[in-house]
Amino acid sequence: MEVEQKKKIPIGFGIGVVLAMVALGAGVYGMLHFSAPKGYKDYTVQKEQYYVEYSEQYDYWDVLTVEYPSVSGINKEYEETLNKLFYDMAMEKVNFWHLFPDDEVKELQKDYQMFCSDVRCEVPYHSQYLMSVHFQELYAPISPLQYVHRTQRCANVNLMTGEQYALSDIFTLNDDFIGFWCTQVEKSGDYGDLIINDADTRETFLQWFLNQDEEANMQYLFIPFFYLDKNKDFVIGLSYDPKPSKIASKLPLENSFCAHISSAELEPYRTDSEFWNWYEQSEQTGEILECEDLKENLWLGKDASIWEFIER
């Protein structure tokens, strides 16, 4: 027995050494695989504005105040790509309803009295790797006296790779996720009792988040969105912007739902996206510069007299 025990000692020791080497190797591999590069510390984001006031090009008035960000100080190729993305996203509704209309919108333009759009952007999170841009828009097809819609949308980008992340890239959109989101929206109290966490509501919103409701898709454009706040927590929402047949005269009509949710609460729903590696190593940096000559929208700006008219 004594001889057998002596023989087992070096075998066990050898196995331990091998396991330790494997663990060390895995750790080194993990560090090499997940360790992000240095990133950008000194880039800037300049807010700019596309502005039109009563142009003579159309048979109706148009008043446009569209704010958007422009990043500089990163890789030139990605800089160009991301700035085009930001501009196009800011101009999304203006392009659809005004500048590049399809046949259905052209028909509606015959009844236009005025087209107005007021877009404001903020950059709530900007790290050496990631940047979130949040757009909020008031737009009024036909007339700001009778038709005003409020919506929002977001861009979340990787400054190192030029990649844009959608909500479905970073979270698993299933019944559990939608149930959790509905509960958070309900808790916020921002939408009254419009959203509750029951089976019918979850099924409806899951179809909307996944763009699988064919009947509703004929009437609305559904876009899930998210952005990071300054604390790296999440605002997650869904916009449902009307198509021409569903333009309404309710003033103003809210066309999005969202909820503020802490990062820790969302961990069970994370996908295996590389986003999370960049996210975990991100720290706030970069500089945001406000628009030097920001114009207020004559009809939809914060001090516009239209709001007094609506309140009456």
C-alpha atoms as a PDB file:
ATOM      1  CA  MET A   1       0.000   0.000   0.000  1.00  0.00           C
ATOM      2  CA  GLU A   2       2.827   2.360   0.835  1.00  0.00           C
ATOM      3  CA  VAL A   3       4.485   1.751  -2.522  1.00  0.00           C
ATOM      4  CA  GLU A   4       1.233   2.365  -4.394  1.00  0.00           C
ATOM      5  CA  GLN A   5       0.643   5.669  -2.602  1.00  0.00           C
ATOM      6  CA  LYS A   6       4.124   6.901  -3.477  1.00  0.00           C
ATOM      7  CA  LYS A   7       3.445   6.155  -7.116  1.00  0.00           C
ATOM      8  CA  LYS A   8       0.184   8.133  -7.091  1.00  0.00           C
ATOM      9  CA  ILE A   9       1.690  11.330  -5.725  1.00  0.00           C
ATOM     10  CA  PRO A  10       3.651  12.404  -8.823  1.00  0.00           C
ATOM     11  CA  ILE A  11       0.736  11.440 -11.091  1.00  0.00           C
ATOM     12  CA  GLY A  12      -1.666  13.671  -9.165  1.00  0.00           C
ATOM     13  CA  PHE A  13       0.932  16.399  -9.065  1.00  0.00           C
ATOM     14  CA  GLY A  14       1.387  16.144 -12.816  1.00  0.00           C
ATOM     15  CA  ILE A  15      -2.340  16.411 -13.441  1.00  0.00           C
ATOM     16  CA  GLY A  16      -2.487  19.477 -11.214  1.00  0.00           C
ATOM     17  CA  VAL A  17       0.336  21.123 -13.147  1.00  0.00           C
ATOM     18  CA  VAL A  18      -1.394  20.402 -16.447  1.00  0.00           C
ATOM     19  CA  LEU A  19      -4.700  21.812 -15.203  1.00  0.00           C
ATOM     20  CA  ALA A  20      -2.944  24.896 -13.886  1.00  0.00           C
ATOM     21  CA  MET A  21      -1.221  25.413 -17.230  1.00  0.00           C
ATOM     22  CA  VAL A  22      -4.532  25.002 -19.070  1.00  0.00           C
ATOM     23  CA  ALA A  23      -6.215  27.525 -16.770  1.00  0.00           C
ATOM     24  CA  LEU A  24      -3.320  29.955 -17.172  1.00  0.00           C
ATOM     25  CA  GLY A  25      -3.397  29.535 -20.919  1.00  0.00           C
ATOM     26  CA  ALA A  26      -7.146  30.148 -21.004  1.00  0.00           C
ATOM     27  CA  GLY A  27      -6.690  33.257 -18.918  1.00  0.00           C
ATOM     28  CA  VAL A  28      -3.961  34.600 -21.180  1.00  0.00           C
ATOM     29  CA  TYR A  29      -6.062  33.794 -24.238  1.00  0.00           C
ATOM     30  CA  GLY A  30      -9.026  35.548 -22.681  1.00  0.00           C
ATOM     31  CA  MET A  31      -6.967  38.629 -21.933  1.00  0.00           C
ATOM     32  CA  LEU A  32      -5.599  38.705 -25.453  1.00  0.00           C
ATOM     33  CA  HIS A  33      -8.972  37.976 -27.027  1.00  0.00           C
ATOM     34  CA  PHE A  34     -11.078  40.413 -25.001  1.00  0.00           C
ATOM     35  CA  SER A  35      -8.541  43.133 -24.331  1.00  0.00           C
ATOM     36  CA  ALA A  36      -9.642  46.112 -26.420  1.00  0.00           C
ATOM     37  CA  PRO A  37      -7.129  48.489 -28.026  1.00  0.00           C
ATOM     38  CA  LYS A  38      -6.375  51.870 -26.517  1.00  0.00           C
ATOM     39  CA  GLY A  39      -9.264  53.686 -28.160  1.00  0.00           C
ATOM     40  CA  TYR A  40      -9.879  57.385 -28.761  1.00  0.00           C
ATOM     41  CA  LYS A  41      -9.436  59.840 -25.893  1.00  0.00           C
ATOM     42  CA  ASP A  42      -9.396  63.226 -27.641  1.00  0.00           C
ATOM     43  CA  TYR A  43     -12.089  63.074 -30.310  1.00  0.00           C
ATOM     44  CA  THR A  44     -14.793  65.742 -30.576  1.00  0.00           C
ATOM     45  CA  VAL A  45     -18.457  65.714 -31.542  1.00  0.00           C
ATOM     46  CA  GLN A  46     -19.729  68.964 -33.035  1.00  0.00           C
ATOM     47  CA  LYS A  47     -23.484  69.411 -33.179  1.00  0.00           C
ATOM     48  CA  GLU A  48     -24.718  71.011 -36.411  1.00  0.00           C
ATOM     49  CA  GLN A  49     -28.102  71.929 -37.878  1.00  0.00           C
ATOM     50  CA  TYR A  50     -29.900  71.636 -41.205  1.00  0.00           C
ATOM     51  CA  TYR A  51     -32.133  74.705 -41.410  1.00  0.00           C
ATOM     52  CA  VAL A  52     -34.867  75.786 -43.835  1.00  0.00           C
ATOM     53  CA  GLU A  53     -37.435  78.520 -43.322  1.00  0.00           C
ATOM     54  CA  TYR A  54     -40.174  79.004 -45.919  1.00  0.00           C
ATOM     55  CA  SER A  55     -38.341  77.984 -49.067  1.00  0.00           C
ATOM     56  CA  GLU A  56     -39.980  78.896 -52.391  1.00  0.00           C
ATOM     57  CA  GLN A  57     -39.366  75.485 -53.939  1.00  0.00           C
ATOM     58  CA  TYR A  58     -42.747  74.022 -52.937  1.00  0.00           C
ATOM     59  CA  ASP A  59     -46.421  74.936 -53.160  1.00  0.00           C
ATOM     60  CA  TYR A  60     -46.600  74.817 -49.372  1.00  0.00           C
ATOM     61  CA  TRP A  61     -44.492  76.269 -46.560  1.00  0.00           C
ATOM     62  CA  ASP A  62     -41.709  74.273 -44.969  1.00  0.00           C
ATOM     63  CA  VAL A  63     -39.852  74.972 -41.739  1.00  0.00           C
ATOM     64  CA  LEU A  64     -37.043  72.555 -40.867  1.00  0.00           C
ATOM     65  CA  THR A  65     -34.660  72.632 -37.907  1.00  0.00           C
ATOM     66  CA  VAL A  66     -32.745  69.354 -37.833  1.00  0.00           C
ATOM     67  CA  GLU A  67     -29.854  68.948 -35.379  1.00  0.00           C
ATOM     68  CA  TYR A  68     -27.276  66.213 -35.878  1.00  0.00           C
ATOM     69  CA  PRO A  69     -23.764  65.345 -34.592  1.00  0.00           C
ATOM     70  CA  SER A  70     -20.502  65.232 -36.531  1.00  0.00           C
ATOM     71  CA  VAL A  71     -17.583  63.303 -35.041  1.00  0.00           C
ATOM     72  CA  SER A  72     -13.907  64.077 -35.760  1.00  0.00           C
ATOM     73  CA  GLY A  73     -10.612  62.748 -34.456  1.00  0.00           C
ATOM     74  CA  ILE A  74     -11.127  59.063 -35.250  1.00  0.00           C
ATOM     75  CA  ASN A  75     -10.208  56.859 -38.226  1.00  0.00           C
ATOM     76  CA  LYS A  76     -11.091  58.886 -41.352  1.00  0.00           C
ATOM     77  CA  GLU A  77     -12.942  56.045 -43.061  1.00  0.00           C
ATOM     78  CA  TYR A  78     -15.157  55.385 -40.047  1.00  0.00           C
ATOM     79  CA  GLU A  79     -15.518  59.111 -39.442  1.00  0.00           C
ATOM     80  CA  GLU A  80     -17.070  59.540 -42.885  1.00  0.00           C
ATOM     81  CA  THR A  81     -19.276  56.467 -42.504  1.00  0.00           C
ATOM     82  CA  LEU A  82     -20.585  57.407 -39.058  1.00  0.00           C
ATOM     83  CA  ASN A  83     -21.213  61.050 -39.902  1.00  0.00           C
ATOM     84  CA  LYS A  84     -23.292  59.997 -42.909  1.00  0.00           C
ATOM     85  CA  LEU A  85     -25.203  57.616 -40.646  1.00  0.00           C
ATOM     86  CA  PHE A  86     -25.921  60.361 -38.100  1.00  0.00           C
ATOM     87  CA  TYR A  87     -27.025  62.844 -40.763  1.00  0.00           C
ATOM     88  CA  ASP A  88     -29.261  60.346 -42.565  1.00  0.00           C
ATOM     89  CA  MET A  89     -30.858  59.267 -39.286  1.00  0.00           C
ATOM     90  CA  ALA A  90     -31.524  62.867 -38.265  1.00  0.00           C
ATOM     91  CA  MET A  91     -33.108  63.575 -41.679  1.00  0.00           C
ATOM     92  CA  GLU A  92     -35.122  60.346 -41.803  1.00  0.00           C
ATOM     93  CA  LYS A  93     -38.617  61.858 -41.486  1.00  0.00           C
ATOM     94  CA  VAL A  94     -37.743  64.959 -43.512  1.00  0.00           C
ATOM     95  CA  ASN A  95     -36.571  62.731 -46.343  1.00  0.00           C
ATOM     96  CA  PHE A  96     -39.643  60.493 -46.182  1.00  0.00           C
ATOM     97  CA  TRP A  97     -42.314  63.180 -45.866  1.00  0.00           C
ATOM     98  CA  HIS A  98     -40.711  66.063 -47.688  1.00  0.00           C
ATOM     99  CA  LEU A  99     -37.505  65.798 -49.712  1.00  0.00           C
ATOM    100  CA  PHE A 100     -37.791  62.325 -51.275  1.00  0.00           C
ATOM    101  CA  PRO A 101     -41.508  61.403 -51.200  1.00  0.00           C
ATOM    102  CA  ASP A 102     -42.891  58.209 -52.720  1.00  0.00           C
ATOM    103  CA  ASP A 103     -46.111  58.257 -54.755  1.00  0.00           C
ATOM    104  CA  GLU A 104     -48.334  57.972 -51.682  1.00  0.00           C
ATOM    105  CA  VAL A 105     -46.663  60.917 -49.974  1.00  0.00           C
ATOM    106  CA  LYS A 106     -46.725  62.945 -53.204  1.00  0.00           C
ATOM    107  CA  GLU A 107     -50.484  62.511 -53.285  1.00  0.00           C
ATOM    108  CA  LEU A 108     -50.700  63.696 -49.692  1.00  0.00           C
ATOM    109  CA  GLN A 109     -48.505  66.709 -50.488  1.00  0.00           C
ATOM    110  CA  LYS A 110     -51.337  68.086 -52.626  1.00  0.00           C
ATOM    111  CA  ASP A 111     -53.151  68.831 -49.359  1.00  0.00           C
ATOM    112  CA  TYR A 112     -50.104  70.178 -47.522  1.00  0.00           C
ATOM    113  CA  GLN A 113     -50.424  73.581 -45.913  1.00  0.00           C
ATOM    114  CA  MET A 114     -46.994  73.262 -44.366  1.00  0.00           C
ATOM    115  CA  PHE A 115     -44.423  70.619 -43.498  1.00  0.00           C
ATOM    116  CA  CYS A 116     -42.528  71.142 -40.239  1.00  0.00           C
ATOM    117  CA  SER A 117     -39.843  69.127 -38.513  1.00  0.00           C
ATOM    118  CA  ASP A 118     -37.849  69.874 -35.392  1.00  0.00           C
ATOM    119  CA  VAL A 119     -35.110  67.375 -34.522  1.00  0.00           C
ATOM    120  CA  ARG A 120     -32.943  67.646 -31.423  1.00  0.00           C
ATOM    121  CA  CYS A 121     -30.012  65.345 -30.714  1.00  0.00           C
ATOM    122  CA  GLU A 122     -28.034  64.508 -27.612  1.00  0.00           C
ATOM    123  CA  VAL A 123     -24.964  62.336 -27.133  1.00  0.00           C
ATOM    124  CA  PRO A 124     -25.570  60.961 -23.638  1.00  0.00           C
ATOM    125  CA  TYR A 125     -22.742  58.401 -23.715  1.00  0.00           C
ATOM    126  CA  HIS A 126     -19.367  58.681 -25.446  1.00  0.00           C
ATOM    127  CA  SER A 127     -16.443  56.471 -24.477  1.00  0.00           C
ATOM    128  CA  GLN A 128     -13.101  55.646 -26.077  1.00  0.00           C
ATOM    129  CA  TYR A 129     -14.936  52.868 -27.977  1.00  0.00           C
ATOM    130  CA  LEU A 130     -18.691  53.463 -28.045  1.00  0.00           C
ATOM    131  CA  MET A 131     -21.034  56.366 -28.694  1.00  0.00           C
ATOM    132  CA  SER A 132     -24.810  56.687 -28.270  1.00  0.00           C
ATOM    133  CA  VAL A 133     -26.767  59.336 -30.162  1.00  0.00           C
ATOM    134  CA  HIS A 134     -30.382  60.022 -29.229  1.00  0.00           C
ATOM    135  CA  PHE A 135     -32.705  61.883 -31.628  1.00  0.00           C
ATOM    136  CA  GLN A 136     -36.045  63.342 -30.565  1.00  0.00           C
ATOM    137  CA  GLU A 137     -38.322  64.778 -33.226  1.00  0.00           C
ATOM    138  CA  LEU A 138     -41.549  66.700 -33.558  1.00  0.00           C
ATOM    139  CA  TYR A 139     -42.855  66.611 -37.109  1.00  0.00           C
ATOM    140  CA  ALA A 140     -46.068  67.841 -38.680  1.00  0.00           C
ATOM    141  CA  PRO A 141     -47.158  66.461 -42.043  1.00  0.00           C
ATOM    142  CA  ILE A 142     -49.913  68.567 -43.630  1.00  0.00           C
ATOM    143  CA  SER A 143     -50.142  71.229 -40.905  1.00  0.00           C
ATOM    144  CA  PRO A 144     -48.704  71.939 -37.443  1.00  0.00           C
ATOM    145  CA  LEU A 145     -52.136  73.267 -36.438  1.00  0.00           C
ATOM    146  CA  GLN A 146     -53.751  69.855 -36.699  1.00  0.00           C
ATOM    147  CA  TYR A 147     -51.135  67.134 -37.196  1.00  0.00           C
ATOM    148  CA  VAL A 148     -48.171  66.827 -34.854  1.00  0.00           C
ATOM    149  CA  HIS A 149     -46.286  63.629 -34.075  1.00  0.00           C
ATOM    150  CA  ARG A 150     -43.500  63.099 -31.556  1.00  0.00           C
ATOM    151  CA  THR A 151     -40.971  60.299 -32.044  1.00  0.00           C
ATOM    152  CA  GLN A 152     -37.429  59.241 -31.211  1.00  0.00           C
ATOM    153  CA  ARG A 153     -34.658  57.034 -32.599  1.00  0.00           C
ATOM    154  CA  CYS A 154     -31.053  56.233 -31.751  1.00  0.00           C
ATOM    155  CA  ALA A 155     -27.672  55.314 -33.161  1.00  0.00           C
ATOM    156  CA  ASN A 156     -25.224  53.237 -31.120  1.00  0.00           C
ATOM    157  CA  VAL A 157     -21.869  52.866 -32.804  1.00  0.00           C
ATOM    158  CA  ASN A 158     -18.403  51.443 -32.315  1.00  0.00           C
ATOM    159  CA  LEU A 159     -15.819  54.158 -33.000  1.00  0.00           C
ATOM    160  CA  MET A 160     -13.097  51.543 -33.505  1.00  0.00           C
ATOM    161  CA  THR A 161     -14.880  49.451 -36.132  1.00  0.00           C
ATOM    162  CA  GLY A 162     -17.621  51.679 -37.555  1.00  0.00           C
ATOM    163  CA  GLU A 163     -20.230  49.086 -36.556  1.00  0.00           C
ATOM    164  CA  GLN A 164     -23.754  50.091 -35.578  1.00  0.00           C
ATOM    165  CA  TYR A 165     -25.580  47.999 -32.962  1.00  0.00           C
ATOM    166  CA  ALA A 166     -29.297  47.255 -33.088  1.00  0.00           C
ATOM    167  CA  LEU A 167     -31.250  46.235 -29.994  1.00  0.00           C
ATOM    168  CA  SER A 168     -31.508  42.656 -31.270  1.00  0.00           C
ATOM    169  CA  ASP A 169     -27.708  42.486 -31.583  1.00  0.00           C
ATOM    170  CA  ILE A 170     -27.135  42.879 -27.864  1.00  0.00           C
ATOM    171  CA  PHE A 171     -30.302  41.504 -26.227  1.00  0.00           C
ATOM    172  CA  THR A 172     -32.383  38.390 -26.847  1.00  0.00           C
ATOM    173  CA  LEU A 173     -35.822  39.625 -27.865  1.00  0.00           C
ATOM    174  CA  ASN A 174     -38.232  36.977 -26.595  1.00  0.00           C
ATOM    175  CA  ASP A 175     -41.285  36.724 -24.357  1.00  0.00           C
ATOM    176  CA  ASP A 176     -39.196  36.992 -21.172  1.00  0.00           C
ATOM    177  CA  PHE A 177     -37.430  40.145 -22.355  1.00  0.00           C
ATOM    178  CA  ILE A 178     -40.658  41.798 -23.521  1.00  0.00           C
ATOM    179  CA  GLY A 179     -42.343  40.895 -20.226  1.00  0.00           C
ATOM    180  CA  PHE A 180     -39.526  42.508 -18.275  1.00  0.00           C
ATOM    181  CA  TRP A 181     -39.617  45.594 -20.524  1.00  0.00           C
ATOM    182  CA  CYS A 182     -43.407  45.927 -20.165  1.00  0.00           C
ATOM    183  CA  THR A 183     -43.039  45.808 -16.389  1.00  0.00           C
ATOM    184  CA  GLN A 184     -40.436  48.594 -16.469  1.00  0.00           C
ATOM    185  CA  VAL A 185     -42.627  50.749 -18.733  1.00  0.00           C
ATOM    186  CA  GLU A 186     -45.604  50.135 -16.475  1.00  0.00           C
ATOM    187  CA  LYS A 187     -43.565  51.086 -13.394  1.00  0.00           C
ATOM    188  CA  SER A 188     -42.469  54.356 -14.964  1.00  0.00           C
ATOM    189  CA  GLY A 189     -46.057  55.595 -15.068  1.00  0.00           C
ATOM    190  CA  ASP A 190     -45.260  57.637 -18.177  1.00  0.00           C
ATOM    191  CA  TYR A 191     -47.959  56.024 -20.311  1.00  0.00           C
ATOM    192  CA  GLY A 192     -50.798  55.493 -17.883  1.00  0.00           C
ATOM    193  CA  ASP A 193     -52.298  52.027 -18.250  1.00  0.00           C
ATOM    194  CA  LEU A 194     -51.531  51.663 -21.962  1.00  0.00           C
ATOM    195  CA  ILE A 195     -48.892  48.991 -21.301  1.00  0.00           C
ATOM    196  CA  ILE A 196     -49.223  46.197 -18.746  1.00  0.00           C
ATOM    197  CA  ASN A 197     -47.384  42.912 -18.429  1.00  0.00           C
ATOM    198  CA  ASP A 198     -49.983  40.405 -19.581  1.00  0.00           C
ATOM    199  CA  ALA A 199     -49.935  37.707 -22.256  1.00  0.00           C
ATOM    200  CA  ASP A 200     -51.756  39.749 -24.938  1.00  0.00           C
ATOM    201  CA  THR A 201     -49.561  42.818 -24.444  1.00  0.00           C
ATOM    202  CA  ARG A 202     -46.365  40.736 -24.522  1.00  0.00           C
ATOM    203  CA  GLU A 203     -47.420  38.975 -27.706  1.00  0.00           C
ATOM    204  CA  THR A 204     -48.315  42.243 -29.426  1.00  0.00           C
ATOM    205  CA  PHE A 205     -45.121  44.047 -28.481  1.00  0.00           C
ATOM    206  CA  LEU A 206     -42.917  41.066 -29.290  1.00  0.00           C
ATOM    207  CA  GLN A 207     -44.352  41.061 -32.826  1.00  0.00           C
ATOM    208  CA  TRP A 208     -43.763  44.811 -33.044  1.00  0.00           C
ATOM    209  CA  PHE A 209     -40.197  44.575 -31.736  1.00  0.00           C
ATOM    210  CA  LEU A 210     -39.483  41.813 -34.277  1.00  0.00           C
ATOM    211  CA  ASN A 211     -41.459  43.486 -37.123  1.00  0.00           C
ATOM    212  CA  GLN A 212     -43.639  40.388 -37.516  1.00  0.00           C
ATOM    213  CA  ASP A 213     -47.101  41.985 -37.332  1.00  0.00           C
ATOM    214  CA  GLU A 214     -47.924  42.160 -41.048  1.00  0.00           C
ATOM    215  CA  GLU A 215     -51.222  44.010 -40.593  1.00  0.00           C
ATOM    216  CA  ALA A 216     -49.735  46.649 -38.279  1.00  0.00           C
ATOM    217  CA  ASN A 217     -46.668  46.995 -40.529  1.00  0.00           C
ATOM    218  CA  MET A 218     -48.932  48.262 -43.297  1.00  0.00           C
ATOM    219  CA  GLN A 219     -49.913  51.194 -41.092  1.00  0.00           C
ATOM    220  CA  TYR A 220     -46.823  51.926 -38.982  1.00  0.00           C
ATOM    221  CA  LEU A 221     -43.053  51.766 -39.179  1.00  0.00           C
ATOM    222  CA  PHE A 222     -41.832  49.968 -36.030  1.00  0.00           C
ATOM    223  CA  ILE A 223     -38.270  50.630 -34.881  1.00  0.00           C
ATOM    224  CA  PRO A 224     -36.862  49.260 -31.593  1.00  0.00           C
ATOM    225  CA  PHE A 225     -34.160  51.491 -30.136  1.00  0.00           C
ATOM    226  CA  PHE A 226     -31.810  51.895 -27.212  1.00  0.00           C
ATOM    227  CA  TYR A 227     -29.195  54.292 -25.965  1.00  0.00           C
ATOM    228  CA  LEU A 228     -26.760  54.448 -23.052  1.00  0.00           C
ATOM    229  CA  ASP A 229     -27.011  57.178 -20.451  1.00  0.00           C
ATOM    230  CA  LYS A 230     -24.021  58.790 -18.743  1.00  0.00           C
ATOM    231  CA  ASN A 231     -23.966  55.980 -16.150  1.00  0.00           C
ATOM    232  CA  LYS A 232     -23.880  53.219 -18.819  1.00  0.00           C
ATOM    233  CA  ASP A 233     -27.464  52.239 -18.039  1.00  0.00           C
ATOM    234  CA  PHE A 234     -29.985  51.729 -20.815  1.00  0.00           C
ATOM    235  CA  VAL A 235     -33.035  53.465 -22.214  1.00  0.00           C
ATOM    236  CA  ILE A 236     -34.905  50.918 -24.332  1.00  0.00           C
ATOM    237  CA  GLY A 237     -37.930  51.706 -26.439  1.00  0.00           C
ATOM    238  CA  LEU A 238     -40.033  51.247 -29.540  1.00  0.00           C
ATOM    239  CA  SER A 239     -41.159  53.916 -31.999  1.00  0.00           C
ATOM    240  CA  TYR A 240     -44.203  53.338 -34.187  1.00  0.00           C
ATOM    241  CA  ASP A 241     -44.338  56.086 -36.770  1.00  0.00           C
ATOM    242  CA  PRO A 242     -47.472  56.341 -38.912  1.00  0.00           C
ATOM    243  CA  LYS A 243     -47.485  55.783 -42.627  1.00  0.00           C
ATOM    244  CA  PRO A 244     -49.544  58.210 -44.763  1.00  0.00           C
ATOM    245  CA  SER A 245     -52.822  56.351 -44.206  1.00  0.00           C
ATOM    246  CA  LYS A 246     -52.470  56.635 -40.425  1.00  0.00           C
ATOM    247  CA  ILE A 247     -51.531  60.304 -40.050  1.00  0.00           C
ATOM    248  CA  ALA A 248     -53.739  61.544 -37.197  1.00  0.00           C
ATOM    249  CA  SER A 249     -55.027  64.920 -36.050  1.00  0.00           C
ATOM    250  CA  LYS A 250     -54.535  64.375 -32.333  1.00  0.00           C
ATOM    251  CA  LEU A 251     -52.227  67.034 -30.933  1.00  0.00           C
ATOM    252  CA  PRO A 252     -49.483  66.149 -30.285  1.00  0.00           C
ATOM    253  CA  LEU A 253     -49.496  62.377 -30.731  1.00  0.00           C
ATOM    254  CA  GLU A 254     -46.769  60.388 -28.951  1.00  0.00           C
ATOM    255  CA  ASN A 255     -45.361  57.705 -31.264  1.00  0.00           C
ATOM    256  CA  SER A 256     -42.898  55.897 -28.997  1.00  0.00           C
ATOM    257  CA  PHE A 257     -42.657  54.035 -25.719  1.00  0.00           C
ATOM    258  CA  CYS A 258     -39.484  53.661 -23.649  1.00  0.00           C
ATOM    259  CA  ALA A 259     -38.168  52.738 -20.210  1.00  0.00           C
ATOM    260  CA  HIS A 260     -34.957  53.487 -18.311  1.00  0.00           C
ATOM    261  CA  ILE A 261     -33.360  50.230 -17.081  1.00  0.00           C
ATOM    262  CA  SER A 262     -30.152  49.578 -15.173  1.00  0.00           C
ATOM    263  CA  SER A 263     -27.421  47.529 -16.816  1.00  0.00           C
ATOM    264  CA  ALA A 264     -27.424  44.965 -13.999  1.00  0.00           C
ATOM    265  CA  GLU A 265     -31.119  44.181 -14.489  1.00  0.00           C
ATOM    266  CA  LEU A 266     -30.519  43.450 -18.165  1.00  0.00           C
ATOM    267  CA  GLU A 267     -27.663  40.972 -17.748  1.00  0.00           C
ATOM    268  CA  PRO A 268     -29.896  37.853 -18.102  1.00  0.00           C
ATOM    269  CA  TYR A 269     -30.919  38.984 -21.585  1.00  0.00           C
ATOM    270  CA  ARG A 270     -27.475  39.692 -23.040  1.00  0.00           C
ATOM    271  CA  THR A 271     -26.427  38.015 -26.254  1.00  0.00           C
ATOM    272  CA  ASP A 272     -22.841  36.917 -26.935  1.00  0.00           C
ATOM    273  CA  SER A 273     -22.228  40.040 -29.047  1.00  0.00           C
ATOM    274  CA  GLU A 274     -18.734  41.558 -28.990  1.00  0.00           C
ATOM    275  CA  PHE A 275     -20.526  44.767 -27.978  1.00  0.00           C
ATOM    276  CA  TRP A 276     -20.327  43.644 -24.365  1.00  0.00           C
ATOM    277  CA  ASN A 277     -16.530  43.348 -24.437  1.00  0.00           C
ATOM    278  CA  TRP A 278     -16.256  46.945 -25.631  1.00  0.00           C
ATOM    279  CA  TYR A 279     -18.966  48.016 -23.191  1.00  0.00           C
ATOM    280  CA  GLU A 280     -17.282  46.537 -20.110  1.00  0.00           C
ATOM    281  CA  GLN A 281     -14.018  48.329 -20.865  1.00  0.00           C
ATOM    282  CA  SER A 282     -15.592  51.674 -21.802  1.00  0.00           C
ATOM    283  CA  GLU A 283     -15.102  54.876 -19.849  1.00  0.00           C
ATOM    284  CA  GLN A 284     -16.570  58.297 -20.663  1.00  0.00           C
ATOM    285  CA  THR A 285     -14.258  60.437 -22.804  1.00  0.00           C
ATOM    286  CA  GLY A 286     -14.391  62.735 -25.832  1.00  0.00           C
ATOM    287  CA  GLU A 287     -15.858  66.244 -26.027  1.00  0.00           C
ATOM    288  CA  ILE A 288     -19.339  67.312 -27.133  1.00  0.00           C
ATOM    289  CA  LEU A 289     -19.610  70.788 -28.700  1.00  0.00           C
ATOM    290  CA  GLU A 290     -23.022  72.455 -28.901  1.00  0.00           C
ATOM    291  CA  CYS A 291     -24.331  73.884 -32.175  1.00  0.00           C
ATOM    292  CA  GLU A 292     -22.959  77.409 -32.475  1.00  0.00           C
ATOM    293  CA  ASP A 293     -26.053  78.940 -34.096  1.00  0.00           C
ATOM    294  CA  LEU A 294     -28.957  76.691 -33.166  1.00  0.00           C
ATOM    295  CA  LYS A 295     -32.244  77.981 -34.600  1.00  0.00           C
ATOM    296  CA  GLU A 296     -35.589  77.453 -32.889  1.00  0.00           C
ATOM    297  CA  ASN A 297     -38.347  76.050 -35.054  1.00  0.00           C
ATOM    298  CA  LEU A 298     -40.926  78.823 -35.700  1.00  0.00           C
ATOM    299  CA  TRP A 299     -43.824  76.409 -35.315  1.00  0.00           C
ATOM    300  CA  LEU A 300     -42.584  73.501 -33.207  1.00  0.00           C
ATOM    301  CA  GLY A 301     -39.831  75.107 -31.099  1.00  0.00           C
ATOM    302  CA  LYS A 302     -40.125  75.153 -27.310  1.00  0.00           C
ATOM    303  CA  ASP A 303     -41.360  78.778 -27.271  1.00  0.00           C
ATOM    304  CA  ALA A 304     -43.522  78.562 -30.383  1.00  0.00           C
ATOM    305  CA  SER A 305     -47.017  80.031 -30.125  1.00  0.00           C
ATOM    306  CA  ILE A 306     -48.478  76.808 -31.562  1.00  0.00           C
ATOM    307  CA  TRP A 307     -48.392  75.314 -28.057  1.00  0.00           C
ATOM    308  CA  GLU A 308     -50.599  78.102 -26.724  1.00  0.00           C
ATOM    309  CA  PHE A 309     -53.022  77.412 -29.570  1.00  0.00           C
ATOM    310  CA  ILE A 310     -53.054  73.672 -28.767  1.00  0.00           C
ATOM    311  CA  GLU A 311     -53.643  74.283 -25.055  1.00  0.00           C
ATOM    312  CA  ARG A 312     -56.725  76.312 -25.905  1.00  0.00           C
END
